[in-house]
Amino acid sequence: MSAFKVTSVIDGDTFEVSPQWKWGGQTGSRVRPAGYDAPELHACGGQSAKDRLWKLIFGEEVELRTAHKVDRGRLVCEVYFSGKNLTHYFPDY
């Protein structure tokens, strides 16, 4: 895949990109990084996880690599920011 701009952060481990991704005959804008699982928004630490992801990548360019599957409309894939896998920034999740 290639570079995408982050246009929205849904929660600590889901965001939207532009342009839309295409994979396995499907297309969409939501992405779920593989390799970490942040707390849900309603759970303890959920809003903090969302804020942390927003501060890091909102409005920035990310690379989507090695897609694994589409889950509930989200492309689950390896996400790279500034040359590093996004999991590097979230070792505690």
C-alpha atoms as a PDB file:
ATOM      1  CA  MET A   1       0.000   0.000   0.000  1.00  0.00           C
ATOM      2  CA  SER A   2       1.144   3.567   0.243  1.00  0.00           C
ATOM      3  CA  ALA A   3       0.829   6.808   2.192  1.00  0.00           C
ATOM      4  CA  PHE A   4      -2.465   8.028   3.616  1.00  0.00           C
ATOM      5  CA  LYS A   5      -3.418  11.142   5.591  1.00  0.00           C
ATOM      6  CA  VAL A   6      -5.113  10.607   8.950  1.00  0.00           C
ATOM      7  CA  THR A   7      -8.391  12.554   8.864  1.00  0.00           C
ATOM      8  CA  SER A   8     -10.062  11.382  12.073  1.00  0.00           C
ATOM      9  CA  VAL A   9      -9.273   9.409  15.232  1.00  0.00           C
ATOM     10  CA  ILE A  10     -12.157   7.235  16.423  1.00  0.00           C
ATOM     11  CA  ASP A  11     -10.555   5.747  19.535  1.00  0.00           C
ATOM     12  CA  GLY A  12      -7.147   4.601  20.751  1.00  0.00           C
ATOM     13  CA  ASP A  13      -6.754   1.994  18.023  1.00  0.00           C
ATOM     14  CA  THR A  14      -9.013   3.055  15.155  1.00  0.00           C
ATOM     15  CA  PHE A  15      -8.680   5.989  12.791  1.00  0.00           C
ATOM     16  CA  GLU A  16      -9.768   7.143   9.342  1.00  0.00           C
ATOM     17  CA  VAL A  17      -7.592   7.954   6.350  1.00  0.00           C
ATOM     18  CA  SER A  18      -7.806   9.669   2.992  1.00  0.00           C
ATOM     19  CA  PRO A  19      -7.785   8.535   0.252  1.00  0.00           C
ATOM     20  CA  GLN A  20      -9.688   5.339   0.904  1.00  0.00           C
ATOM     21  CA  TRP A  21      -7.720   2.095   1.055  1.00  0.00           C
ATOM     22  CA  LYS A  22      -8.430  -0.828  -1.266  1.00  0.00           C
ATOM     23  CA  TRP A  23      -7.700  -4.421  -0.270  1.00  0.00           C
ATOM     24  CA  GLY A  24      -9.147  -7.829  -1.094  1.00  0.00           C
ATOM     25  CA  GLY A  25     -11.900  -6.365  -3.240  1.00  0.00           C
ATOM     26  CA  GLN A  26     -13.005  -4.042  -0.441  1.00  0.00           C
ATOM     27  CA  THR A  27     -12.519  -0.340   0.135  1.00  0.00           C
ATOM     28  CA  GLY A  28     -12.888   1.946   3.123  1.00  0.00           C
ATOM     29  CA  SER A  29     -11.402   4.664   5.250  1.00  0.00           C
ATOM     30  CA  ARG A  30     -11.197   3.076   8.721  1.00  0.00           C
ATOM     31  CA  VAL A  31      -7.959   1.486   9.867  1.00  0.00           C
ATOM     32  CA  ARG A  32      -7.160  -0.695  12.885  1.00  0.00           C
ATOM     33  CA  PRO A  33      -3.408  -1.058  13.497  1.00  0.00           C
ATOM     34  CA  ALA A  34      -2.231  -4.631  14.007  1.00  0.00           C
ATOM     35  CA  GLY A  35      -0.146  -5.336  17.074  1.00  0.00           C
ATOM     36  CA  TYR A  36      -1.816  -3.473  19.910  1.00  0.00           C
ATOM     37  CA  ASP A  37      -5.248  -3.161  21.491  1.00  0.00           C
ATOM     38  CA  ALA A  38      -6.077   0.104  23.272  1.00  0.00           C
ATOM     39  CA  PRO A  39      -8.870   0.325  25.869  1.00  0.00           C
ATOM     40  CA  GLU A  40     -12.347   1.080  24.530  1.00  0.00           C
ATOM     41  CA  LEU A  41     -13.553   4.680  24.923  1.00  0.00           C
ATOM     42  CA  HIS A  42     -15.980   3.777  27.731  1.00  0.00           C
ATOM     43  CA  ALA A  43     -13.312   1.807  29.627  1.00  0.00           C
ATOM     44  CA  CYS A  44     -10.724   3.145  32.042  1.00  0.00           C
ATOM     45  CA  GLY A  45      -7.958   4.775  30.001  1.00  0.00           C
ATOM     46  CA  GLY A  46      -9.982   4.805  26.783  1.00  0.00           C
ATOM     47  CA  GLN A  47     -10.172   8.581  26.344  1.00  0.00           C
ATOM     48  CA  SER A  48      -6.496   8.912  27.241  1.00  0.00           C
ATOM     49  CA  ALA A  49      -5.602   6.326  24.566  1.00  0.00           C
ATOM     50  CA  LYS A  50      -7.634   8.221  21.968  1.00  0.00           C
ATOM     51  CA  ASP A  51      -6.027  11.538  22.929  1.00  0.00           C
ATOM     52  CA  ARG A  52      -2.565  10.002  22.731  1.00  0.00           C
ATOM     53  CA  LEU A  53      -3.176   8.592  19.233  1.00  0.00           C
ATOM     54  CA  TRP A  54      -4.760  11.870  18.083  1.00  0.00           C
ATOM     55  CA  LYS A  55      -1.745  13.911  19.243  1.00  0.00           C
ATOM     56  CA  LEU A  56       0.610  11.550  17.450  1.00  0.00           C
ATOM     57  CA  ILE A  57      -0.996  11.046  14.023  1.00  0.00           C
ATOM     58  CA  PHE A  58      -3.999  13.334  13.423  1.00  0.00           C
ATOM     59  CA  GLY A  59      -3.400  15.264  10.188  1.00  0.00           C
ATOM     60  CA  GLU A  60      -0.181  13.343   9.580  1.00  0.00           C
ATOM     61  CA  GLU A  61       0.771  10.874   6.883  1.00  0.00           C
ATOM     62  CA  VAL A  62       0.967   7.170   7.711  1.00  0.00           C
ATOM     63  CA  GLU A  63       1.917   4.147   5.647  1.00  0.00           C
ATOM     64  CA  LEU A  64      -0.383   1.138   5.558  1.00  0.00           C
ATOM     65  CA  ARG A  65       1.512  -2.118   5.046  1.00  0.00           C
ATOM     66  CA  THR A  66       0.890  -5.844   5.304  1.00  0.00           C
ATOM     67  CA  ALA A  67      -2.884  -5.997   5.504  1.00  0.00           C
ATOM     68  CA  HIS A  68      -4.222  -8.904   7.575  1.00  0.00           C
ATOM     69  CA  LYS A  69      -8.003  -8.681   7.154  1.00  0.00           C
ATOM     70  CA  VAL A  70     -11.004  -6.383   7.143  1.00  0.00           C
ATOM     71  CA  ASP A  71     -12.796  -6.438  10.506  1.00  0.00           C
ATOM     72  CA  ARG A  72     -16.127  -4.614  10.878  1.00  0.00           C
ATOM     73  CA  GLY A  73     -15.197  -2.311   7.978  1.00  0.00           C
ATOM     74  CA  ARG A  74     -11.715  -1.559   9.331  1.00  0.00           C
ATOM     75  CA  LEU A  75      -8.556  -2.597   7.522  1.00  0.00           C
ATOM     76  CA  VAL A  76      -6.354  -4.391  10.058  1.00  0.00           C
ATOM     77  CA  CYS A  77      -2.780  -3.812   8.936  1.00  0.00           C
ATOM     78  CA  GLU A  78       0.707  -2.782   9.939  1.00  0.00           C
ATOM     79  CA  VAL A  79       0.779   1.025  10.284  1.00  0.00           C
ATOM     80  CA  TYR A  80       3.994   3.028  10.037  1.00  0.00           C
ATOM     81  CA  PHE A  81       4.501   6.618  11.165  1.00  0.00           C
ATOM     82  CA  SER A  82       7.824   8.439  10.753  1.00  0.00           C
ATOM     83  CA  GLY A  83       9.425   5.192   9.600  1.00  0.00           C
ATOM     84  CA  LYS A  84       8.431   3.191  12.703  1.00  0.00           C
ATOM     85  CA  ASN A  85       5.662   0.687  13.274  1.00  0.00           C
ATOM     86  CA  LEU A  86       2.895   2.369  15.276  1.00  0.00           C
ATOM     87  CA  THR A  87       3.227  -0.358  17.929  1.00  0.00           C
ATOM     88  CA  HIS A  88       6.594   1.225  18.777  1.00  0.00           C
ATOM     89  CA  TYR A  89       4.722   4.260  20.152  1.00  0.00           C
ATOM     90  CA  PHE A  90       2.265   2.178  22.207  1.00  0.00           C
ATOM     91  CA  PRO A  91       4.276  -0.557  23.954  1.00  0.00           C
ATOM     92  CA  ASP A  92       1.954  -0.534  26.973  1.00  0.00           C
ATOM     93  CA  TYR A  93      -1.166  -1.694  25.075  1.00  0.00           C
END
